[in-house]
């Protein structure tokens, strides 16, 4: 007799398998892009049958959207934790802490900046999905933080939203192209040196009071 699965939380094995598929997909999509990545490659990396991916995620596009959505949720959680315990009135501290947490997250998960940059120059449904799911929520959060900090300054900053967008995409581009930057610039080989250079350039520069 076949045992039927009841409703409720999935078995741990199901959760582990979905997580393995998601990790493999994130690596492939970030490195190769959507078009160049096949479900067979992802299935091989995750050690599962390719049919299982379609069953769990509804195909390659469904899997890609799930990866982008989860990356957006992870970023939101990181930025919310970054400002815990900081008074709402200390707007500059909230901005600084958020900016540093964002950079640290990109350095810890370099696949995320690659996702941020993928498909943004190509018009289409995936580009719009990236914009709405990953880029715009991130941009709006930092715009709010920057606006709150700017209210405490004697002179309001010019082109505030452009300034925020430049920070986000410069950070993503720098982390995504770290190997290339290392060939051009001395003194950023270690993680600590690279992180310090990013903070000095992107936080103490564009987001400085």
C-alpha atoms as a PDB file:
ATOM      1  CA  UNK A   1       0.000   0.000   0.000  1.00  0.00           C
ATOM      2  CA  UNK A   2       1.330   3.418  -0.969  1.00  0.00           C
ATOM      3  CA  UNK A   3       1.688   5.808   1.947  1.00  0.00           C
ATOM      4  CA  UNK A   4      -0.028   9.112   1.258  1.00  0.00           C
ATOM      5  CA  UNK A   5       1.621  12.261   2.482  1.00  0.00           C
ATOM      6  CA  UNK A   6      -0.514  14.375   4.751  1.00  0.00           C
ATOM      7  CA  UNK A   7      -0.763  18.112   4.666  1.00  0.00           C
ATOM      8  CA  UNK A   8       1.474  20.366   6.693  1.00  0.00           C
ATOM      9  CA  UNK A   9       5.161  21.119   6.674  1.00  0.00           C
ATOM     10  CA  UNK A  10       7.208  19.196   4.080  1.00  0.00           C
ATOM     11  CA  UNK A  11       9.471  16.402   5.170  1.00  0.00           C
ATOM     12  CA  UNK A  12      13.006  17.440   5.967  1.00  0.00           C
ATOM     13  CA  UNK A  13      14.266  15.503   2.948  1.00  0.00           C
ATOM     14  CA  UNK A  14      11.996  17.565   0.674  1.00  0.00           C
ATOM     15  CA  UNK A  15      13.245  20.778   2.220  1.00  0.00           C
ATOM     16  CA  UNK A  16      16.857  19.705   1.823  1.00  0.00           C
ATOM     17  CA  UNK A  17      16.315  18.759  -1.816  1.00  0.00           C
ATOM     18  CA  UNK A  18      14.666  22.081  -2.655  1.00  0.00           C
ATOM     19  CA  UNK A  19      17.490  23.915  -0.919  1.00  0.00           C
ATOM     20  CA  UNK A  20      20.077  21.952  -2.926  1.00  0.00           C
ATOM     21  CA  UNK A  21      18.271  22.799  -6.169  1.00  0.00           C
ATOM     22  CA  UNK A  22      18.068  26.468  -5.196  1.00  0.00           C
ATOM     23  CA  UNK A  23      21.773  26.654  -4.336  1.00  0.00           C
ATOM     24  CA  UNK A  24      22.770  24.994  -7.587  1.00  0.00           C
ATOM     25  CA  UNK A  25      20.432  27.224  -9.593  1.00  0.00           C
ATOM     26  CA  UNK A  26      21.723  30.391  -7.934  1.00  0.00           C
ATOM     27  CA  UNK A  27      25.304  29.490  -8.799  1.00  0.00           C
ATOM     28  CA  UNK A  28      24.467  28.631 -12.404  1.00  0.00           C
ATOM     29  CA  UNK A  29      22.177  31.586 -13.096  1.00  0.00           C
ATOM     30  CA  UNK A  30      24.643  34.029 -11.543  1.00  0.00           C
ATOM     31  CA  UNK A  31      27.625  32.657 -13.450  1.00  0.00           C
ATOM     32  CA  UNK A  32      26.046  31.876 -16.814  1.00  0.00           C
ATOM     33  CA  UNK A  33      22.792  33.788 -17.049  1.00  0.00           C
ATOM     34  CA  UNK A  34      19.316  32.443 -17.689  1.00  0.00           C
ATOM     35  CA  UNK A  35      19.613  31.557 -21.367  1.00  0.00           C
ATOM     36  CA  UNK A  36      22.935  29.737 -21.064  1.00  0.00           C
ATOM     37  CA  UNK A  37      21.826  27.642 -18.099  1.00  0.00           C
ATOM     38  CA  UNK A  38      19.998  24.344 -18.567  1.00  0.00           C
ATOM     39  CA  UNK A  39      17.870  22.472 -16.077  1.00  0.00           C
ATOM     40  CA  UNK A  40      20.024  19.407 -16.691  1.00  0.00           C
ATOM     41  CA  UNK A  41      23.089  21.297 -15.444  1.00  0.00           C
ATOM     42  CA  UNK A  42      21.247  22.415 -12.324  1.00  0.00           C
ATOM     43  CA  UNK A  43      19.880  18.927 -11.721  1.00  0.00           C
ATOM     44  CA  UNK A  44      23.363  17.422 -12.072  1.00  0.00           C
ATOM     45  CA  UNK A  45      24.836  19.971  -9.653  1.00  0.00           C
ATOM     46  CA  UNK A  46      22.045  19.323  -7.125  1.00  0.00           C
ATOM     47  CA  UNK A  47      22.147  15.566  -7.589  1.00  0.00           C
ATOM     48  CA  UNK A  48      18.475  15.248  -8.515  1.00  0.00           C
ATOM     49  CA  UNK A  49      16.412  14.110 -11.479  1.00  0.00           C
ATOM     50  CA  UNK A  50      15.696  16.954 -13.892  1.00  0.00           C
ATOM     51  CA  UNK A  51      11.959  16.202 -13.809  1.00  0.00           C
ATOM     52  CA  UNK A  52      11.900  17.007 -10.095  1.00  0.00           C
ATOM     53  CA  UNK A  53      12.836  20.643 -10.795  1.00  0.00           C
ATOM     54  CA  UNK A  54       9.868  21.111 -13.103  1.00  0.00           C
ATOM     55  CA  UNK A  55       7.630  19.423 -10.535  1.00  0.00           C
ATOM     56  CA  UNK A  56       8.857  21.584  -7.644  1.00  0.00           C
ATOM     57  CA  UNK A  57       9.288  24.924  -9.428  1.00  0.00           C
ATOM     58  CA  UNK A  58       7.261  24.701 -12.630  1.00  0.00           C
ATOM     59  CA  UNK A  59      10.251  24.811 -14.976  1.00  0.00           C
ATOM     60  CA  UNK A  60      13.326  26.963 -15.474  1.00  0.00           C
ATOM     61  CA  UNK A  61      11.549  30.321 -15.362  1.00  0.00           C
ATOM     62  CA  UNK A  62       9.714  29.398 -12.184  1.00  0.00           C
ATOM     63  CA  UNK A  63      12.981  28.327 -10.579  1.00  0.00           C
ATOM     64  CA  UNK A  64      14.712  31.544 -11.665  1.00  0.00           C
ATOM     65  CA  UNK A  65      11.880  33.662 -10.248  1.00  0.00           C
ATOM     66  CA  UNK A  66      12.032  31.739  -6.980  1.00  0.00           C
ATOM     67  CA  UNK A  67      15.780  32.419  -6.757  1.00  0.00           C
ATOM     68  CA  UNK A  68      15.355  36.142  -7.435  1.00  0.00           C
ATOM     69  CA  UNK A  69      12.476  36.412  -4.957  1.00  0.00           C
ATOM     70  CA  UNK A  70      14.416  34.628  -2.217  1.00  0.00           C
ATOM     71  CA  UNK A  71      17.458  36.834  -2.830  1.00  0.00           C
ATOM     72  CA  UNK A  72      15.240  39.882  -2.363  1.00  0.00           C
ATOM     73  CA  UNK A  73      13.794  38.502   0.875  1.00  0.00           C
ATOM     74  CA  UNK A  74      17.264  37.655   2.195  1.00  0.00           C
ATOM     75  CA  UNK A  75      18.463  41.193   1.456  1.00  0.00           C
ATOM     76  CA  UNK A  76      15.440  42.678   3.193  1.00  0.00           C
ATOM     77  CA  UNK A  77      16.080  40.569   6.295  1.00  0.00           C
ATOM     78  CA  UNK A  78      19.763  41.549   6.383  1.00  0.00           C
ATOM     79  CA  UNK A  79      18.939  45.261   6.145  1.00  0.00           C
ATOM     80  CA  UNK A  80      16.177  45.059   8.753  1.00  0.00           C
ATOM     81  CA  UNK A  81      18.523  43.355  11.213  1.00  0.00           C
ATOM     82  CA  UNK A  82      21.206  45.961  10.504  1.00  0.00           C
ATOM     83  CA  UNK A  83      19.188  48.788  12.059  1.00  0.00           C
ATOM     84  CA  UNK A  84      17.847  46.897  15.048  1.00  0.00           C
ATOM     85  CA  UNK A  85      18.548  48.825  18.233  1.00  0.00           C
ATOM     86  CA  UNK A  86      19.332  52.101  16.428  1.00  0.00           C
ATOM     87  CA  UNK A  87      17.023  54.960  17.309  1.00  0.00           C
ATOM     88  CA  UNK A  88      14.823  56.240  14.479  1.00  0.00           C
ATOM     89  CA  UNK A  89      16.157  59.753  15.097  1.00  0.00           C
ATOM     90  CA  UNK A  90      19.739  58.668  14.390  1.00  0.00           C
ATOM     91  CA  UNK A  91      19.142  58.599  10.654  1.00  0.00           C
ATOM     92  CA  UNK A  92      22.784  58.793   9.605  1.00  0.00           C
ATOM     93  CA  UNK A  93      23.708  55.819  11.780  1.00  0.00           C
ATOM     94  CA  UNK A  94      20.843  53.817  10.270  1.00  0.00           C
ATOM     95  CA  UNK A  95      22.039  54.700   6.773  1.00  0.00           C
ATOM     96  CA  UNK A  96      25.670  53.861   7.533  1.00  0.00           C
ATOM     97  CA  UNK A  97      24.826  50.569   9.220  1.00  0.00           C
ATOM     98  CA  UNK A  98      22.539  49.572   6.345  1.00  0.00           C
ATOM     99  CA  UNK A  99      25.138  50.431   3.721  1.00  0.00           C
ATOM    100  CA  UNK A 100      27.808  48.393   5.483  1.00  0.00           C
ATOM    101  CA  UNK A 101      25.430  45.470   5.939  1.00  0.00           C
ATOM    102  CA  UNK A 102      24.581  45.599   2.232  1.00  0.00           C
ATOM    103  CA  UNK A 103      28.247  45.493   1.236  1.00  0.00           C
ATOM    104  CA  UNK A 104      28.951  42.673   3.689  1.00  0.00           C
ATOM    105  CA  UNK A 105      26.046  40.655   2.273  1.00  0.00           C
ATOM    106  CA  UNK A 106      27.302  41.099  -1.289  1.00  0.00           C
ATOM    107  CA  UNK A 107      30.795  40.031  -0.266  1.00  0.00           C
ATOM    108  CA  UNK A 108      29.466  36.996   1.569  1.00  0.00           C
ATOM    109  CA  UNK A 109      27.188  36.015  -1.323  1.00  0.00           C
ATOM    110  CA  UNK A 110      28.774  37.254  -4.559  1.00  0.00           C
ATOM    111  CA  UNK A 111      26.082  35.483  -6.570  1.00  0.00           C
ATOM    112  CA  UNK A 112      23.615  38.180  -5.469  1.00  0.00           C
ATOM    113  CA  UNK A 113      25.356  41.124  -7.182  1.00  0.00           C
ATOM    114  CA  UNK A 114      25.642  39.034 -10.330  1.00  0.00           C
ATOM    115  CA  UNK A 115      21.893  38.486 -10.205  1.00  0.00           C
ATOM    116  CA  UNK A 116      21.368  42.219  -9.681  1.00  0.00           C
ATOM    117  CA  UNK A 117      23.326  42.954 -12.835  1.00  0.00           C
ATOM    118  CA  UNK A 118      21.944  40.149 -15.002  1.00  0.00           C
ATOM    119  CA  UNK A 119      19.397  41.098 -17.681  1.00  0.00           C
ATOM    120  CA  UNK A 120      19.186  44.760 -16.598  1.00  0.00           C
ATOM    121  CA  UNK A 121      20.315  45.997 -20.025  1.00  0.00           C
ATOM    122  CA  UNK A 122      17.892  43.748 -21.927  1.00  0.00           C
ATOM    123  CA  UNK A 123      14.241  44.700 -22.181  1.00  0.00           C
ATOM    124  CA  UNK A 124      11.917  41.837 -21.365  1.00  0.00           C
ATOM    125  CA  UNK A 125       9.907  40.075 -18.694  1.00  0.00           C
ATOM    126  CA  UNK A 126      12.952  38.861 -16.745  1.00  0.00           C
ATOM    127  CA  UNK A 127      14.480  42.327 -16.696  1.00  0.00           C
ATOM    128  CA  UNK A 128      11.208  43.743 -15.347  1.00  0.00           C
ATOM    129  CA  UNK A 129      10.998  40.946 -12.752  1.00  0.00           C
ATOM    130  CA  UNK A 130      14.527  41.721 -11.558  1.00  0.00           C
ATOM    131  CA  UNK A 131      13.676  45.408 -11.366  1.00  0.00           C
ATOM    132  CA  UNK A 132      10.463  44.943  -9.409  1.00  0.00           C
ATOM    133  CA  UNK A 133      11.564  42.060  -7.182  1.00  0.00           C
ATOM    134  CA  UNK A 134      15.177  42.848  -6.369  1.00  0.00           C
ATOM    135  CA  UNK A 135      16.325  46.293  -7.518  1.00  0.00           C
ATOM    136  CA  UNK A 136      13.366  48.555  -6.737  1.00  0.00           C
ATOM    137  CA  UNK A 137      12.727  47.423  -3.136  1.00  0.00           C
ATOM    138  CA  UNK A 138      16.428  47.828  -2.411  1.00  0.00           C
ATOM    139  CA  UNK A 139      16.529  51.255  -4.052  1.00  0.00           C
ATOM    140  CA  UNK A 140      13.420  52.480  -2.226  1.00  0.00           C
ATOM    141  CA  UNK A 141      14.800  51.363   1.128  1.00  0.00           C
ATOM    142  CA  UNK A 142      18.062  53.251   0.648  1.00  0.00           C
ATOM    143  CA  UNK A 143      16.257  56.307  -0.719  1.00  0.00           C
ATOM    144  CA  UNK A 144      14.160  56.450   2.470  1.00  0.00           C
ATOM    145  CA  UNK A 145      17.280  56.058   4.605  1.00  0.00           C
ATOM    146  CA  UNK A 146      19.133  58.732   2.649  1.00  0.00           C
ATOM    147  CA  UNK A 147      16.182  61.135   2.765  1.00  0.00           C
ATOM    148  CA  UNK A 148      15.897  60.744   6.534  1.00  0.00           C
ATOM    149  CA  UNK A 149      19.618  61.398   6.956  1.00  0.00           C
ATOM    150  CA  UNK A 150      19.498  64.365   4.570  1.00  0.00           C
ATOM    151  CA  UNK A 151      16.855  66.067   6.705  1.00  0.00           C
ATOM    152  CA  UNK A 152      19.473  66.410   9.463  1.00  0.00           C
ATOM    153  CA  UNK A 153      22.000  68.125   7.172  1.00  0.00           C
ATOM    154  CA  UNK A 154      22.263  71.875   6.541  1.00  0.00           C
ATOM    155  CA  UNK A 155      22.344  71.441   2.761  1.00  0.00           C
ATOM    156  CA  UNK A 156      20.114  68.898   1.009  1.00  0.00           C
ATOM    157  CA  UNK A 157      22.020  66.630  -1.405  1.00  0.00           C
ATOM    158  CA  UNK A 158      21.578  67.022  -5.139  1.00  0.00           C
ATOM    159  CA  UNK A 159      20.281  64.108  -7.218  1.00  0.00           C
ATOM    160  CA  UNK A 160      19.549  62.002  -4.128  1.00  0.00           C
ATOM    161  CA  UNK A 161      17.895  59.101  -5.926  1.00  0.00           C
ATOM    162  CA  UNK A 162      20.604  58.974  -8.574  1.00  0.00           C
ATOM    163  CA  UNK A 163      23.178  58.967  -5.798  1.00  0.00           C
ATOM    164  CA  UNK A 164      21.501  55.953  -4.173  1.00  0.00           C
ATOM    165  CA  UNK A 165      21.198  54.039  -7.452  1.00  0.00           C
ATOM    166  CA  UNK A 166      24.866  54.709  -8.194  1.00  0.00           C
ATOM    167  CA  UNK A 167      25.841  53.317  -4.790  1.00  0.00           C
ATOM    168  CA  UNK A 168      23.810  50.125  -5.268  1.00  0.00           C
ATOM    169  CA  UNK A 169      25.008  49.354  -8.772  1.00  0.00           C
ATOM    170  CA  UNK A 170      28.605  50.393  -8.110  1.00  0.00           C
ATOM    171  CA  UNK A 171      28.667  48.017  -5.133  1.00  0.00           C
ATOM    172  CA  UNK A 172      27.161  45.174  -7.165  1.00  0.00           C
ATOM    173  CA  UNK A 173      29.481  45.771 -10.104  1.00  0.00           C
ATOM    174  CA  UNK A 174      32.586  45.979  -7.924  1.00  0.00           C
ATOM    175  CA  UNK A 175      31.863  42.728  -6.092  1.00  0.00           C
ATOM    176  CA  UNK A 176      30.803  40.904  -9.260  1.00  0.00           C
ATOM    177  CA  UNK A 177      34.020  41.967 -10.963  1.00  0.00           C
ATOM    178  CA  UNK A 178      36.335  41.546  -8.025  1.00  0.00           C
ATOM    179  CA  UNK A 179      38.772  39.282  -9.872  1.00  0.00           C
ATOM    180  CA  UNK A 180      39.168  41.787 -12.695  1.00  0.00           C
ATOM    181  CA  UNK A 181      39.613  44.675 -10.266  1.00  0.00           C
ATOM    182  CA  UNK A 182      42.319  42.688  -8.492  1.00  0.00           C
ATOM    183  CA  UNK A 183      44.303  42.572 -11.739  1.00  0.00           C
ATOM    184  CA  UNK A 184      44.106  46.336 -12.122  1.00  0.00           C
ATOM    185  CA  UNK A 185      44.587  47.498  -8.535  1.00  0.00           C
ATOM    186  CA  UNK A 186      47.194  46.563  -5.943  1.00  0.00           C
ATOM    187  CA  UNK A 187      46.372  46.132  -2.270  1.00  0.00           C
ATOM    188  CA  UNK A 188      42.871  44.639  -2.465  1.00  0.00           C
ATOM    189  CA  UNK A 189      43.738  40.933  -2.561  1.00  0.00           C
ATOM    190  CA  UNK A 190      42.432  39.936   0.847  1.00  0.00           C
ATOM    191  CA  UNK A 191      38.785  40.055   1.853  1.00  0.00           C
ATOM    192  CA  UNK A 192      39.542  42.660   4.513  1.00  0.00           C
ATOM    193  CA  UNK A 193      41.431  44.912   2.087  1.00  0.00           C
ATOM    194  CA  UNK A 194      38.725  44.652  -0.532  1.00  0.00           C
ATOM    195  CA  UNK A 195      35.964  45.370   1.994  1.00  0.00           C
ATOM    196  CA  UNK A 196      37.865  48.385   3.342  1.00  0.00           C
ATOM    197  CA  UNK A 197      38.329  49.753  -0.171  1.00  0.00           C
ATOM    198  CA  UNK A 198      34.627  49.323  -0.906  1.00  0.00           C
ATOM    199  CA  UNK A 199      33.585  51.115   2.265  1.00  0.00           C
ATOM    200  CA  UNK A 200      36.021  53.982   1.730  1.00  0.00           C
ATOM    201  CA  UNK A 201      34.951  54.455  -1.857  1.00  0.00           C
ATOM    202  CA  UNK A 202      31.217  53.810  -1.733  1.00  0.00           C
ATOM    203  CA  UNK A 203      30.126  54.716   1.787  1.00  0.00           C
ATOM    204  CA  UNK A 204      32.555  57.420   2.789  1.00  0.00           C
ATOM    205  CA  UNK A 205      32.185  58.798  -0.723  1.00  0.00           C
ATOM    206  CA  UNK A 206      28.687  58.742  -2.281  1.00  0.00           C
ATOM    207  CA  UNK A 207      26.768  58.223   0.966  1.00  0.00           C
ATOM    208  CA  UNK A 208      28.857  60.507   3.164  1.00  0.00           C
ATOM    209  CA  UNK A 209      27.032  63.392   4.881  1.00  0.00           C
END
